Amino acid sequence: MRYAVFGGGKRVRPVLARAACRAAGGDPEVALEAACALEMVHTYSLIHDDLPALDDDTLRRGRATVHVAFDEALALLAGDALLTEAFAVLGRFPEGDGFAGRRAEACRTVAEAIG
């Protein structure tokens, strides 16, 4: 997972998420965990998209794709683990009982967006 998440790229999604938080009058530091969760979802989608059953890409951001660097099974597991961790992060952010509805809505929105 570390290989895929920290393998380069601009990290545009977390930057945009934090900017949107700031624009809405929120504290961008508070949005950091949710922004990271969105990046995990994106990385999961790239790992799965690169697999032989889909695009069969061998390079991503100038490096071997996860299924080439490791193997297909590990790529599937890494992608699935990133998606699972993203929902775990969203499910506990923001902390406090007063935010339970917002956590559920965030999870629902992300689940609907990724299909």
C-alpha atoms as a PDB file:
ATOM      1  CA  MET A   1       0.000   0.000   0.000  1.00  0.00           C
ATOM      2  CA  ARG A   2       2.812   2.376   0.853  1.00  0.00           C
ATOM      3  CA  TYR A   3       4.353   1.771  -2.594  1.00  0.00           C
ATOM      4  CA  ALA A   4       1.158   2.962  -4.291  1.00  0.00           C
ATOM      5  CA  VAL A   5       0.185   5.793  -1.952  1.00  0.00           C
ATOM      6  CA  PHE A   6       3.608   7.419  -1.771  1.00  0.00           C
ATOM      7  CA  GLY A   7       4.651   6.672  -5.343  1.00  0.00           C
ATOM      8  CA  GLY A   8       4.451  10.205  -6.673  1.00  0.00           C
ATOM      9  CA  GLY A   9       1.653  12.313  -8.024  1.00  0.00           C
ATOM     10  CA  LYS A  10       0.404  15.741  -7.142  1.00  0.00           C
ATOM     11  CA  ARG A  11      -2.047  14.822  -4.364  1.00  0.00           C
ATOM     12  CA  VAL A  12      -4.572  17.191  -5.918  1.00  0.00           C
ATOM     13  CA  ARG A  13      -7.624  15.660  -4.217  1.00  0.00           C
ATOM     14  CA  PRO A  14      -6.481  16.345  -0.629  1.00  0.00           C
ATOM     15  CA  VAL A  15      -5.454  19.876  -1.570  1.00  0.00           C
ATOM     16  CA  LEU A  16      -8.857  20.518  -3.165  1.00  0.00           C
ATOM     17  CA  ALA A  17     -10.725  18.982  -0.227  1.00  0.00           C
ATOM     18  CA  ARG A  18      -8.901  21.194   2.247  1.00  0.00           C
ATOM     19  CA  ALA A  19      -9.398  24.267   0.040  1.00  0.00           C
ATOM     20  CA  ALA A  20     -13.131  23.527  -0.138  1.00  0.00           C
ATOM     21  CA  CYS A  21     -13.219  23.244   3.647  1.00  0.00           C
ATOM     22  CA  ARG A  22     -11.474  26.595   3.968  1.00  0.00           C
ATOM     23  CA  ALA A  23     -13.829  28.188   1.410  1.00  0.00           C
ATOM     24  CA  ALA A  24     -16.823  26.947   3.402  1.00  0.00           C
ATOM     25  CA  GLY A  25     -15.443  28.595   6.537  1.00  0.00           C
ATOM     26  CA  GLY A  26     -14.009  25.451   8.097  1.00  0.00           C
ATOM     27  CA  ASP A  27     -10.585  24.647   9.453  1.00  0.00           C
ATOM     28  CA  PRO A  28      -8.560  22.832   6.765  1.00  0.00           C
ATOM     29  CA  GLU A  29      -6.568  21.003   9.452  1.00  0.00           C
ATOM     30  CA  VAL A  30      -9.787  19.363  10.594  1.00  0.00           C
ATOM     31  CA  ALA A  31     -10.385  18.139   7.029  1.00  0.00           C
ATOM     32  CA  LEU A  32      -6.974  16.476   6.759  1.00  0.00           C
ATOM     33  CA  GLU A  33      -8.141  12.966   7.675  1.00  0.00           C
ATOM     34  CA  ALA A  34     -11.065  13.074   5.258  1.00  0.00           C
ATOM     35  CA  ALA A  35      -8.768  14.439   2.556  1.00  0.00           C
ATOM     36  CA  CYS A  36      -6.389  11.527   3.124  1.00  0.00           C
ATOM     37  CA  ALA A  37      -9.312   9.102   2.890  1.00  0.00           C
ATOM     38  CA  LEU A  38     -10.197  10.537  -0.517  1.00  0.00           C
ATOM     39  CA  GLU A  39      -6.616  10.007  -1.669  1.00  0.00           C
ATOM     40  CA  MET A  40      -6.806   6.388  -0.481  1.00  0.00           C
ATOM     41  CA  VAL A  41      -9.965   5.877  -2.557  1.00  0.00           C
ATOM     42  CA  HIS A  42      -8.254   7.377  -5.592  1.00  0.00           C
ATOM     43  CA  THR A  43      -5.171   5.191  -5.148  1.00  0.00           C
ATOM     44  CA  TYR A  44      -7.361   2.094  -4.771  1.00  0.00           C
ATOM     45  CA  SER A  45      -9.023   2.940  -8.083  1.00  0.00           C
ATOM     46  CA  LEU A  46      -5.655   3.363  -9.822  1.00  0.00           C
ATOM     47  CA  ILE A  47      -4.319   0.048  -8.508  1.00  0.00           C
ATOM     48  CA  HIS A  48      -7.397  -1.820  -9.711  1.00  0.00           C
ATOM     49  CA  ASP A  49      -7.521   0.063 -13.025  1.00  0.00           C
ATOM     50  CA  ASP A  50      -3.923  -0.955 -13.794  1.00  0.00           C
ATOM     51  CA  LEU A  51      -4.633  -4.686 -13.390  1.00  0.00           C
ATOM     52  CA  PRO A  52      -4.371  -6.997 -16.424  1.00  0.00           C
ATOM     53  CA  ALA A  53      -8.139  -7.607 -16.423  1.00  0.00           C
ATOM     54  CA  LEU A  54      -8.701  -3.881 -17.015  1.00  0.00           C
ATOM     55  CA  ASP A  55      -6.084  -1.562 -18.563  1.00  0.00           C
ATOM     56  CA  ASP A  56      -3.063  -3.804 -17.956  1.00  0.00           C
ATOM     57  CA  ASP A  57      -0.828  -0.781 -17.464  1.00  0.00           C
ATOM     58  CA  THR A  58       2.746  -1.561 -16.471  1.00  0.00           C
ATOM     59  CA  LEU A  59       3.790   1.955 -15.448  1.00  0.00           C
ATOM     60  CA  ARG A  60       2.155   4.493 -13.152  1.00  0.00           C
ATOM     61  CA  ARG A  61       3.834   7.820 -12.449  1.00  0.00           C
ATOM     62  CA  GLY A  62       7.056   6.545 -14.002  1.00  0.00           C
ATOM     63  CA  ARG A  63       7.241   3.420 -11.809  1.00  0.00           C
ATOM     64  CA  ALA A  64       6.119  -0.150 -12.171  1.00  0.00           C
ATOM     65  CA  THR A  65       2.454  -0.575 -11.300  1.00  0.00           C
ATOM     66  CA  VAL A  66       1.641  -2.497  -8.132  1.00  0.00           C
ATOM     67  CA  HIS A  67       0.754  -5.728  -9.947  1.00  0.00           C
ATOM     68  CA  VAL A  68       4.068  -5.586 -11.847  1.00  0.00           C
ATOM     69  CA  ALA A  69       6.205  -4.630  -8.830  1.00  0.00           C
ATOM     70  CA  PHE A  70       4.610  -7.300  -6.642  1.00  0.00           C
ATOM     71  CA  ASP A  71       1.905  -9.473  -8.214  1.00  0.00           C
ATOM     72  CA  GLU A  72      -1.764  -9.403  -9.165  1.00  0.00           C
ATOM     73  CA  ALA A  73      -3.047 -10.911  -5.945  1.00  0.00           C
ATOM     74  CA  LEU A  74      -1.130  -8.430  -3.821  1.00  0.00           C
ATOM     75  CA  ALA A  75      -2.347  -5.561  -5.999  1.00  0.00           C
ATOM     76  CA  LEU A  76      -5.952  -6.630  -5.473  1.00  0.00           C
ATOM     77  CA  LEU A  77      -5.434  -6.939  -1.734  1.00  0.00           C
ATOM     78  CA  ALA A  78      -3.617  -3.592  -1.499  1.00  0.00           C
ATOM     79  CA  GLY A  79      -6.379  -1.810  -3.396  1.00  0.00           C
ATOM     80  CA  ASP A  80      -9.091  -3.440  -1.306  1.00  0.00           C
ATOM     81  CA  ALA A  81      -7.236  -2.595   1.916  1.00  0.00           C
ATOM     82  CA  LEU A  82      -6.919   1.054   0.878  1.00  0.00           C
ATOM     83  CA  LEU A  83     -10.639   1.269   0.179  1.00  0.00           C
ATOM     84  CA  THR A  84     -11.448  -0.384   3.503  1.00  0.00           C
ATOM     85  CA  GLU A  85      -9.116   1.959   5.382  1.00  0.00           C
ATOM     86  CA  ALA A  86     -10.620   4.977   3.625  1.00  0.00           C
ATOM     87  CA  PHE A  87     -14.068   4.056   4.935  1.00  0.00           C
ATOM     88  CA  ALA A  88     -12.623   3.380   8.395  1.00  0.00           C
ATOM     89  CA  VAL A  89     -11.109   6.880   8.414  1.00  0.00           C
ATOM     90  CA  LEU A  90     -14.336   8.479   7.193  1.00  0.00           C
ATOM     91  CA  GLY A  91     -16.323   6.508   9.762  1.00  0.00           C
ATOM     92  CA  ARG A  92     -14.373   7.939  12.685  1.00  0.00           C
ATOM     93  CA  PHE A  93     -13.931  11.499  11.390  1.00  0.00           C
ATOM     94  CA  PRO A  94     -14.814  13.995  12.771  1.00  0.00           C
ATOM     95  CA  GLU A  95     -14.715  12.680  16.302  1.00  0.00           C
ATOM     96  CA  GLY A  96     -17.555  13.141  18.754  1.00  0.00           C
ATOM     97  CA  ASP A  97     -21.116  11.884  18.973  1.00  0.00           C
ATOM     98  CA  GLY A  98     -22.466  15.110  17.516  1.00  0.00           C
ATOM     99  CA  PHE A  99     -20.915  14.199  14.166  1.00  0.00           C
ATOM    100  CA  ALA A 100     -22.335  10.679  13.751  1.00  0.00           C
ATOM    101  CA  GLY A 101     -24.763  11.859  11.076  1.00  0.00           C
ATOM    102  CA  ARG A 102     -22.022  13.644   9.167  1.00  0.00           C
ATOM    103  CA  ARG A 103     -19.777  10.580   9.302  1.00  0.00           C
ATOM    104  CA  ALA A 104     -22.562   8.408   7.939  1.00  0.00           C
ATOM    105  CA  GLU A 105     -23.339  10.929   5.207  1.00  0.00           C
ATOM    106  CA  ALA A 106     -19.662  11.150   4.209  1.00  0.00           C
ATOM    107  CA  CYS A 107     -19.432   7.361   3.939  1.00  0.00           C
ATOM    108  CA  ARG A 108     -22.662   7.195   1.955  1.00  0.00           C
ATOM    109  CA  THR A 109     -21.581   9.981  -0.419  1.00  0.00           C
ATOM    110  CA  VAL A 110     -18.205   8.382  -1.113  1.00  0.00           C
ATOM    111  CA  ALA A 111     -19.766   4.930  -1.585  1.00  0.00           C
ATOM    112  CA  GLU A 112     -22.264   6.312  -4.099  1.00  0.00           C
ATOM    113  CA  ALA A 113     -19.563   8.260  -5.939  1.00  0.00           C
ATOM    114  CA  ILE A 114     -17.299   5.246  -6.432  1.00  0.00           C
ATOM    115  CA  GLY A 115     -20.151   2.935  -7.391  1.00  0.00           C
END
